[in-house]
Every structure is written in C-alpha cells, then in structure tokens.
Amino acid sequence: MPFGTACCGIEFMAVLAARTDISRFGAEAIRFSPRQSDLLIVAGRISIKMMPVLIRIYEQMPDPNG
C-alpha cells in the first residue's frame, strides 16, 4: 500500500507506470486498502499531524505487518 507525500509520491507513481515492470519484484497488485495489503511503503516526510493517520492505517493492516 503506497503512502506518498509531496515529490516522493510522484516518484512512487512513476514506478507503477506502464513503462516499468514492477512485477519482476513481486509487486503485481498494488492494493490501496490497508486490509488487503501486507506491505506499507511510506515515501516522503511525515509531519506530526499526519502521524496518527499513518498509525491508524498501519494498525488496520493484517498481521504480520510488512
């Protein structure tokens, strides 16, 4: 599950673009729901205000969390 902020989020979207073959690395299906994800990628700066949201997303992920 991607969690990108500012320019780092743009770079993460570029990785998911059609020109790259991210399936070589086992990331064929990108899920945007915490309950369907086993890995959380945080790209960018996280402010104090964003921290509770990020913790809530992490806690919604199934165990074991990645």
Protein backbone atom coordinates (compact mmCIF):
# COMPACT_ATOMS: atom_id res chain seq x y z
CA MET A 1 0.00 0.00 0.00
CA PRO A 2 1.59 3.29 -1.02
CA PHE A 3 1.56 6.32 1.26
CA GLY A 4 3.38 9.03 -0.68
CA THR A 5 3.70 12.69 0.16
CA ALA A 6 4.91 15.60 -1.98
CA CYS A 7 7.52 14.77 -4.62
CA CYS A 8 8.19 11.27 -3.24
CA GLY A 9 4.61 10.29 -4.02
CA ILE A 10 5.12 11.39 -7.62
CA GLU A 11 8.24 9.23 -7.89
CA PHE A 12 6.35 6.25 -6.49
CA MET A 13 3.63 6.73 -9.11
CA ALA A 14 6.32 6.72 -11.80
CA VAL A 15 7.48 3.29 -10.60
CA LEU A 16 3.94 1.99 -11.04
CA ALA A 17 3.72 3.36 -14.60
CA ALA A 18 3.40 1.08 -17.61
CA ARG A 19 7.00 1.57 -18.74
CA THR A 20 8.41 -0.23 -15.71
CA ASP A 21 7.96 -3.93 -15.00
CA ILE A 22 7.41 -3.90 -11.25
CA SER A 23 6.02 -7.45 -11.38
CA ARG A 24 9.64 -8.66 -11.60
CA PHE A 25 9.93 -7.75 -7.93
CA GLY A 26 6.71 -9.46 -6.85
CA ALA A 27 4.56 -6.33 -6.74
CA GLU A 28 1.99 -7.24 -9.36
CA ALA A 29 -1.06 -6.00 -7.49
CA ILE A 30 -0.92 -2.68 -5.67
CA ARG A 31 -3.70 -2.52 -3.08
CA PHE A 32 -4.96 0.78 -1.72
CA SER A 33 -6.88 -0.81 1.14
CA PRO A 34 -4.99 -1.47 4.39
CA ARG A 35 -6.90 -4.71 4.97
CA GLN A 36 -5.68 -6.14 1.65
CA SER A 37 -2.05 -5.03 1.99
CA ASP A 38 0.91 -6.79 3.56
CA LEU A 39 3.46 -4.03 2.95
CA LEU A 40 3.24 -0.29 3.63
CA ILE A 41 5.63 1.94 1.71
CA VAL A 42 5.97 5.40 3.24
CA ALA A 43 7.65 7.79 0.82
CA GLY A 44 8.28 11.38 1.87
CA ARG A 45 8.25 13.46 5.02
CA ILE A 46 5.69 12.66 7.69
CA SER A 47 4.55 15.54 9.88
CA ILE A 48 3.26 15.31 13.44
CA LYS A 49 -0.29 15.90 12.17
CA MET A 50 -0.03 13.01 9.70
CA MET A 51 1.39 10.53 12.21
CA PRO A 52 -1.97 9.47 13.77
CA VAL A 53 -3.38 8.77 10.29
CA LEU A 54 -0.35 6.69 9.37
CA ILE A 55 -0.55 4.73 12.63
CA ARG A 56 -4.26 4.06 12.05
CA ILE A 57 -3.53 2.76 8.54
CA TYR A 58 -0.73 0.53 9.87
CA GLU A 59 -2.98 -0.90 12.59
CA GLN A 60 -5.64 -1.81 10.01
CA MET A 61 -3.20 -4.00 8.10
CA PRO A 62 -3.38 -7.76 8.70
CA ASP A 63 -0.64 -9.44 10.73
CA PRO A 64 2.25 -9.89 10.10
CA ASN A 65 2.77 -6.29 9.02
CA GLY A 66 5.48 -5.53 6.49
